[in-house]
Amino acid sequence: EPGPPEEGLTGRWTLDEGDGAQAGEAAGRVPPAAWKGPGAPEWTDGRLGRAVRFDGKGGHFDGGAAGDFDTADAFSAGAWVWWEGGVGTVVARMHEAQGHRGWNILVGAEGKIQFHVIHDWPANAVAGATRATIPQKTWTHVMLTWNGGGKAAGLAIFGNGAAQPLDVANDNLTGTTRTEVPLHIGLRPAGTP
């Protein structure tokens, strides 16, 4: 299968190492992501080779400075997701102590893909979810695109390449989304929306 376009790419972790506590960044733009426990990563069969299983107990890969996007920056983020029920974070760069400033993609308990782009939750944010759910125990490609316009109309979520209708819960983002916390693959801070 062809890989993603390289132009403008700021990070790409394939998470297919199969063992160890580091995930190499395939584009060579940032250092490898380091596993932050508890425990060691659980490697399993993936969509394209090996994959890591996130159990929701705090273990995640720390992507460092990657994903440092501001409100007016256009960006895309995505992953192959194997959802087994419950809330599961795909990727997040959020600072709980700063009103949850930042952004995230997650699968909610009911299987809807949720998104948050936040300056100060809930008054200054864009947030919502797909109307459709993703299937359990099936690989689904999830992709979010943001045009940097500060409104939900500039956000799209794709499931297996198809644009998904969205239910918007918040649509009032005017402040910065920049935060100094690192990118988390597979985790968002406790208490985040």
C-alpha atoms as a PDB file:
ATOM      1  CA  GLU A   1       0.000   0.000   0.000  1.00  0.00           C
ATOM      2  CA  PRO A   2       1.277   3.496  -0.751  1.00  0.00           C
ATOM      3  CA  GLY A   3       2.409   5.574   2.200  1.00  0.00           C
ATOM      4  CA  PRO A   4       1.165   9.034   3.148  1.00  0.00           C
ATOM      5  CA  PRO A   5       2.384  12.119   1.302  1.00  0.00           C
ATOM      6  CA  GLU A   6       5.606  13.468   2.821  1.00  0.00           C
ATOM      7  CA  GLU A   7       5.096  17.192   2.098  1.00  0.00           C
ATOM      8  CA  GLY A   8       4.158  19.016   5.294  1.00  0.00           C
ATOM      9  CA  LEU A   9       4.313  15.832   7.377  1.00  0.00           C
ATOM     10  CA  THR A  10       5.406  16.580  10.955  1.00  0.00           C
ATOM     11  CA  GLY A  11       5.318  13.055  12.343  1.00  0.00           C
ATOM     12  CA  ARG A  12       4.324   9.500  11.474  1.00  0.00           C
ATOM     13  CA  TRP A  13       4.578   6.616  13.899  1.00  0.00           C
ATOM     14  CA  THR A  14       3.724   3.233  12.394  1.00  0.00           C
ATOM     15  CA  LEU A  15       3.710   1.540  15.827  1.00  0.00           C
ATOM     16  CA  ASP A  16       4.738  -1.723  14.183  1.00  0.00           C
ATOM     17  CA  GLU A  17       8.046  -2.383  15.989  1.00  0.00           C
ATOM     18  CA  GLY A  18       6.645  -5.511  17.624  1.00  0.00           C
ATOM     19  CA  ASP A  19       8.707  -5.173  20.809  1.00  0.00           C
ATOM     20  CA  GLY A  20      10.509  -2.636  22.949  1.00  0.00           C
ATOM     21  CA  ALA A  21       9.479   0.677  24.461  1.00  0.00           C
ATOM     22  CA  GLN A  22      10.138   3.084  21.587  1.00  0.00           C
ATOM     23  CA  ALA A  23       8.136   3.827  18.467  1.00  0.00           C
ATOM     24  CA  GLY A  24      10.242   5.066  15.583  1.00  0.00           C
ATOM     25  CA  GLU A  25       9.026   8.109  13.719  1.00  0.00           C
ATOM     26  CA  ALA A  26       8.934   6.890  10.112  1.00  0.00           C
ATOM     27  CA  ALA A  27       9.313  10.311   8.481  1.00  0.00           C
ATOM     28  CA  GLY A  28      12.539  11.072  10.406  1.00  0.00           C
ATOM     29  CA  ARG A  29      11.319  14.500  11.486  1.00  0.00           C
ATOM     30  CA  VAL A  30      11.175  14.062  15.277  1.00  0.00           C
ATOM     31  CA  PRO A  31      12.799  11.657  17.762  1.00  0.00           C
ATOM     32  CA  PRO A  32      11.188   8.254  18.430  1.00  0.00           C
ATOM     33  CA  ALA A  33       8.208   8.265  20.782  1.00  0.00           C
ATOM     34  CA  ALA A  34       9.018   6.772  24.185  1.00  0.00           C
ATOM     35  CA  TRP A  35       6.634   4.500  26.096  1.00  0.00           C
ATOM     36  CA  LYS A  36       5.392   5.934  29.374  1.00  0.00           C
ATOM     37  CA  GLY A  37       4.051   3.177  31.685  1.00  0.00           C
ATOM     38  CA  PRO A  38       2.657   1.657  33.732  1.00  0.00           C
ATOM     39  CA  GLY A  39       4.141  -1.558  32.460  1.00  0.00           C
ATOM     40  CA  ALA A  40       5.523  -2.235  29.015  1.00  0.00           C
ATOM     41  CA  PRO A  41       3.707  -1.857  25.698  1.00  0.00           C
ATOM     42  CA  GLU A  42       1.608  -4.836  24.661  1.00  0.00           C
ATOM     43  CA  TRP A  43       2.457  -5.726  21.052  1.00  0.00           C
ATOM     44  CA  THR A  44      -0.090  -7.643  18.987  1.00  0.00           C
ATOM     45  CA  ASP A  45      -1.070  -8.361  15.392  1.00  0.00           C
ATOM     46  CA  GLY A  46      -1.975  -5.198  13.499  1.00  0.00           C
ATOM     47  CA  ARG A  47      -3.590  -4.067  10.295  1.00  0.00           C
ATOM     48  CA  LEU A  48      -0.239  -3.846   8.517  1.00  0.00           C
ATOM     49  CA  GLY A  49       2.130  -6.071  10.517  1.00  0.00           C
ATOM     50  CA  ARG A  50       2.495  -5.507  14.261  1.00  0.00           C
ATOM     51  CA  ALA A  51       0.605  -3.008  16.440  1.00  0.00           C
ATOM     52  CA  VAL A  52       0.488  -1.822  20.026  1.00  0.00           C
ATOM     53  CA  ARG A  53      -2.580  -2.362  22.197  1.00  0.00           C
ATOM     54  CA  PHE A  54      -3.583   0.503  24.480  1.00  0.00           C
ATOM     55  CA  ASP A  55      -5.531  -0.705  27.530  1.00  0.00           C
ATOM     56  CA  GLY A  56      -6.723   2.652  28.896  1.00  0.00           C
ATOM     57  CA  LYS A  57      -4.685   2.312  32.088  1.00  0.00           C
ATOM     58  CA  GLY A  58      -2.251   5.142  31.393  1.00  0.00           C
ATOM     59  CA  GLY A  59       0.335   3.551  29.137  1.00  0.00           C
ATOM     60  CA  HIS A  60       1.034   5.650  26.047  1.00  0.00           C
ATOM     61  CA  PHE A  61       3.730   6.826  23.673  1.00  0.00           C
ATOM     62  CA  ASP A  62       5.088  10.327  24.259  1.00  0.00           C
ATOM     63  CA  GLY A  63       5.425  12.072  20.884  1.00  0.00           C
ATOM     64  CA  GLY A  64       7.244  15.090  22.314  1.00  0.00           C
ATOM     65  CA  ALA A  65       6.898  18.361  20.407  1.00  0.00           C
ATOM     66  CA  ALA A  66       4.960  16.910  17.457  1.00  0.00           C
ATOM     67  CA  GLY A  67       1.398  18.116  16.933  1.00  0.00           C
ATOM     68  CA  ASP A  68       2.030  21.638  18.246  1.00  0.00           C
ATOM     69  CA  PHE A  69      -0.732  23.240  16.189  1.00  0.00           C
ATOM     70  CA  ASP A  70      -2.410  26.560  16.879  1.00  0.00           C
ATOM     71  CA  THR A  71      -6.005  27.554  16.169  1.00  0.00           C
ATOM     72  CA  ALA A  72      -5.227  29.028  12.725  1.00  0.00           C
ATOM     73  CA  ASP A  73      -2.980  26.121  11.640  1.00  0.00           C
ATOM     74  CA  ALA A  74      -4.482  23.600   9.243  1.00  0.00           C
ATOM     75  CA  PHE A  75      -3.586  20.012  10.145  1.00  0.00           C
ATOM     76  CA  SER A  76      -4.623  16.388   9.792  1.00  0.00           C
ATOM     77  CA  ALA A  77      -4.178  13.505  12.209  1.00  0.00           C
ATOM     78  CA  GLY A  78      -5.258   9.906  11.985  1.00  0.00           C
ATOM     79  CA  ALA A  79      -4.641   6.263  12.764  1.00  0.00           C
ATOM     80  CA  TRP A  80      -5.772   2.716  12.209  1.00  0.00           C
ATOM     81  CA  VAL A  81      -8.001   1.915  15.200  1.00  0.00           C
ATOM     82  CA  TRP A  82      -9.065  -1.466  16.640  1.00  0.00           C
ATOM     83  CA  TRP A  83     -11.847  -0.610  19.066  1.00  0.00           C
ATOM     84  CA  GLU A  84     -13.051  -3.148  21.651  1.00  0.00           C
ATOM     85  CA  GLY A  85     -15.545  -0.917  23.484  1.00  0.00           C
ATOM     86  CA  GLY A  86     -15.136   1.797  26.094  1.00  0.00           C
ATOM     87  CA  VAL A  87     -13.482   5.186  25.646  1.00  0.00           C
ATOM     88  CA  GLY A  88     -10.224   5.051  23.733  1.00  0.00           C
ATOM     89  CA  THR A  89      -7.948   7.966  22.917  1.00  0.00           C
ATOM     90  CA  VAL A  90      -6.312   7.893  19.504  1.00  0.00           C
ATOM     91  CA  VAL A  91      -4.048  10.927  19.924  1.00  0.00           C
ATOM     92  CA  ALA A  92      -4.085  14.015  22.142  1.00  0.00           C
ATOM     93  CA  ARG A  93      -2.114  17.123  22.883  1.00  0.00           C
ATOM     94  CA  MET A  94      -4.085  18.676  25.749  1.00  0.00           C
ATOM     95  CA  HIS A  95      -3.182  20.487  28.957  1.00  0.00           C
ATOM     96  CA  GLU A  96      -5.730  19.808  31.692  1.00  0.00           C
ATOM     97  CA  ALA A  97      -4.492  22.639  33.938  1.00  0.00           C
ATOM     98  CA  GLN A  98      -4.939  25.177  31.108  1.00  0.00           C
ATOM     99  CA  GLY A  99      -8.663  24.562  30.597  1.00  0.00           C
ATOM    100  CA  HIS A 100      -7.921  21.435  28.518  1.00  0.00           C
ATOM    101  CA  ARG A 101      -6.141  23.558  25.925  1.00  0.00           C
ATOM    102  CA  GLY A 102      -5.121  21.643  22.817  1.00  0.00           C
ATOM    103  CA  TRP A 103      -6.750  19.018  20.630  1.00  0.00           C
ATOM    104  CA  ASN A 104      -7.613  15.326  20.585  1.00  0.00           C
ATOM    105  CA  ILE A 105      -9.267  12.490  18.698  1.00  0.00           C
ATOM    106  CA  LEU A 106     -10.903   9.641  20.579  1.00  0.00           C
ATOM    107  CA  VAL A 107     -13.494   6.922  20.256  1.00  0.00           C
ATOM    108  CA  GLY A 108     -16.302   7.447  22.753  1.00  0.00           C
ATOM    109  CA  ALA A 109     -17.920   4.712  24.819  1.00  0.00           C
ATOM    110  CA  GLU A 110     -20.691   4.341  22.241  1.00  0.00           C
ATOM    111  CA  GLY A 111     -18.226   4.028  19.325  1.00  0.00           C
ATOM    112  CA  LYS A 112     -18.529   7.515  17.874  1.00  0.00           C
ATOM    113  CA  ILE A 113     -15.345   9.317  16.826  1.00  0.00           C
ATOM    114  CA  GLN A 114     -15.083  12.446  18.973  1.00  0.00           C
ATOM    115  CA  PHE A 115     -12.973  15.545  18.473  1.00  0.00           C
ATOM    116  CA  HIS A 116     -12.004  18.533  20.591  1.00  0.00           C
ATOM    117  CA  VAL A 117     -10.044  21.634  19.574  1.00  0.00           C
ATOM    118  CA  ILE A 118      -9.888  23.808  22.701  1.00  0.00           C
ATOM    119  CA  HIS A 119      -8.611  27.058  24.125  1.00  0.00           C
ATOM    120  CA  ASP A 120     -10.641  26.921  27.377  1.00  0.00           C
ATOM    121  CA  TRP A 121     -13.280  24.205  27.862  1.00  0.00           C
ATOM    122  CA  PRO A 122     -16.209  24.553  27.282  1.00  0.00           C
ATOM    123  CA  ALA A 123     -16.595  28.267  26.504  1.00  0.00           C
ATOM    124  CA  ASN A 124     -13.855  28.593  23.876  1.00  0.00           C
ATOM    125  CA  ALA A 125     -13.781  25.360  21.874  1.00  0.00           C
ATOM    126  CA  VAL A 126     -14.922  23.337  18.884  1.00  0.00           C
ATOM    127  CA  ALA A 127     -16.140  19.846  19.767  1.00  0.00           C
ATOM    128  CA  GLY A 128     -18.469  17.144  18.592  1.00  0.00           C
ATOM    129  CA  ALA A 129     -18.729  13.601  17.331  1.00  0.00           C
ATOM    130  CA  THR A 130     -19.611  11.519  14.315  1.00  0.00           C
ATOM    131  CA  ARG A 131     -23.228  10.439  14.051  1.00  0.00           C
ATOM    132  CA  ALA A 132     -22.224   6.924  13.035  1.00  0.00           C
ATOM    133  CA  THR A 133     -20.320   4.486  15.189  1.00  0.00           C
ATOM    134  CA  ILE A 134     -17.301   2.446  14.226  1.00  0.00           C
ATOM    135  CA  PRO A 135     -17.502  -1.337  14.447  1.00  0.00           C
ATOM    136  CA  GLN A 136     -15.909  -3.246  17.298  1.00  0.00           C
ATOM    137  CA  LYS A 137     -13.005  -5.621  16.708  1.00  0.00           C
ATOM    138  CA  THR A 138     -12.436  -4.423  13.147  1.00  0.00           C
ATOM    139  CA  TRP A 139      -9.644  -2.185  11.860  1.00  0.00           C
ATOM    140  CA  THR A 140     -11.021   1.272  11.004  1.00  0.00           C
ATOM    141  CA  HIS A 141      -8.992   4.102   9.547  1.00  0.00           C
ATOM    142  CA  VAL A 142      -9.848   7.327  11.406  1.00  0.00           C
ATOM    143  CA  MET A 143      -8.702  10.714  10.050  1.00  0.00           C
ATOM    144  CA  LEU A 144      -9.409  14.247  11.257  1.00  0.00           C
ATOM    145  CA  THR A 145      -8.721  17.359   9.173  1.00  0.00           C
ATOM    146  CA  TRP A 146      -8.877  20.925  10.503  1.00  0.00           C
ATOM    147  CA  ASN A 147      -8.665  23.990   8.237  1.00  0.00           C
ATOM    148  CA  GLY A 148      -7.584  26.444  10.932  1.00  0.00           C
ATOM    149  CA  GLY A 149     -10.723  28.585  10.645  1.00  0.00           C
ATOM    150  CA  GLY A 150     -11.833  28.264  14.281  1.00  0.00           C
ATOM    151  CA  LYS A 151     -15.279  26.875  13.383  1.00  0.00           C
ATOM    152  CA  ALA A 152     -16.687  23.356  13.186  1.00  0.00           C
ATOM    153  CA  ALA A 153     -17.416  23.898   9.473  1.00  0.00           C
ATOM    154  CA  GLY A 154     -13.653  23.665   8.921  1.00  0.00           C
ATOM    155  CA  LEU A 155     -13.358  20.264  10.551  1.00  0.00           C
ATOM    156  CA  ALA A 156     -13.929  16.901   8.890  1.00  0.00           C
ATOM    157  CA  ILE A 157     -13.666  13.339  10.173  1.00  0.00           C
ATOM    158  CA  PHE A 158     -13.266  10.366   7.887  1.00  0.00           C
ATOM    159  CA  GLY A 159     -13.892   6.707   8.683  1.00  0.00           C
ATOM    160  CA  ASN A 160     -12.226   4.346   6.183  1.00  0.00           C
ATOM    161  CA  GLY A 161     -11.927   7.266   3.755  1.00  0.00           C
ATOM    162  CA  ALA A 162     -15.597   8.326   3.881  1.00  0.00           C
ATOM    163  CA  ALA A 163     -16.538  11.748   5.278  1.00  0.00           C
ATOM    164  CA  GLN A 164     -18.706  11.312   8.370  1.00  0.00           C
ATOM    165  CA  PRO A 165     -21.698  13.526   9.262  1.00  0.00           C
ATOM    166  CA  LEU A 166     -20.989  15.320  12.534  1.00  0.00           C
ATOM    167  CA  ASP A 167     -22.982  16.454  15.537  1.00  0.00           C
ATOM    168  CA  VAL A 168     -21.345  19.642  16.825  1.00  0.00           C
ATOM    169  CA  ALA A 169     -21.527  20.317  20.567  1.00  0.00           C
ATOM    170  CA  ASN A 170     -19.330  23.445  20.744  1.00  0.00           C
ATOM    171  CA  ASP A 171     -18.544  25.918  17.961  1.00  0.00           C
ATOM    172  CA  ASN A 172     -16.854  28.943  19.474  1.00  0.00           C
ATOM    173  CA  LEU A 173     -13.053  28.830  19.226  1.00  0.00           C
ATOM    174  CA  THR A 174     -11.168  32.129  19.214  1.00  0.00           C
ATOM    175  CA  GLY A 175      -8.159  31.621  21.518  1.00  0.00           C
ATOM    176  CA  THR A 176      -4.918  29.726  21.033  1.00  0.00           C
ATOM    177  CA  THR A 177      -4.812  25.942  21.193  1.00  0.00           C
ATOM    178  CA  ARG A 178      -1.041  25.842  21.757  1.00  0.00           C
ATOM    179  CA  THR A 179       0.164  24.101  24.864  1.00  0.00           C
ATOM    180  CA  GLU A 180       3.534  22.968  26.190  1.00  0.00           C
ATOM    181  CA  VAL A 181       2.467  19.412  27.028  1.00  0.00           C
ATOM    182  CA  PRO A 182       3.759  16.669  24.710  1.00  0.00           C
ATOM    183  CA  LEU A 183       1.774  14.763  22.142  1.00  0.00           C
ATOM    184  CA  HIS A 184       0.282  11.586  23.630  1.00  0.00           C
ATOM    185  CA  ILE A 185      -0.420   8.599  21.409  1.00  0.00           C
ATOM    186  CA  GLY A 186      -3.071   6.438  23.081  1.00  0.00           C
ATOM    187  CA  LEU A 187      -3.823   8.705  26.080  1.00  0.00           C
ATOM    188  CA  ARG A 188      -5.360  12.017  27.034  1.00  0.00           C
ATOM    189  CA  PRO A 189      -5.125  13.660  30.445  1.00  0.00           C
ATOM    190  CA  ALA A 190      -7.600  12.513  33.094  1.00  0.00           C
ATOM    191  CA  GLY A 191     -10.651  14.715  33.324  1.00  0.00           C
ATOM    192  CA  THR A 192     -10.493  15.997  29.752  1.00  0.00           C
ATOM    193  CA  PRO A 193     -13.792  16.399  27.891  1.00  0.00           C
END
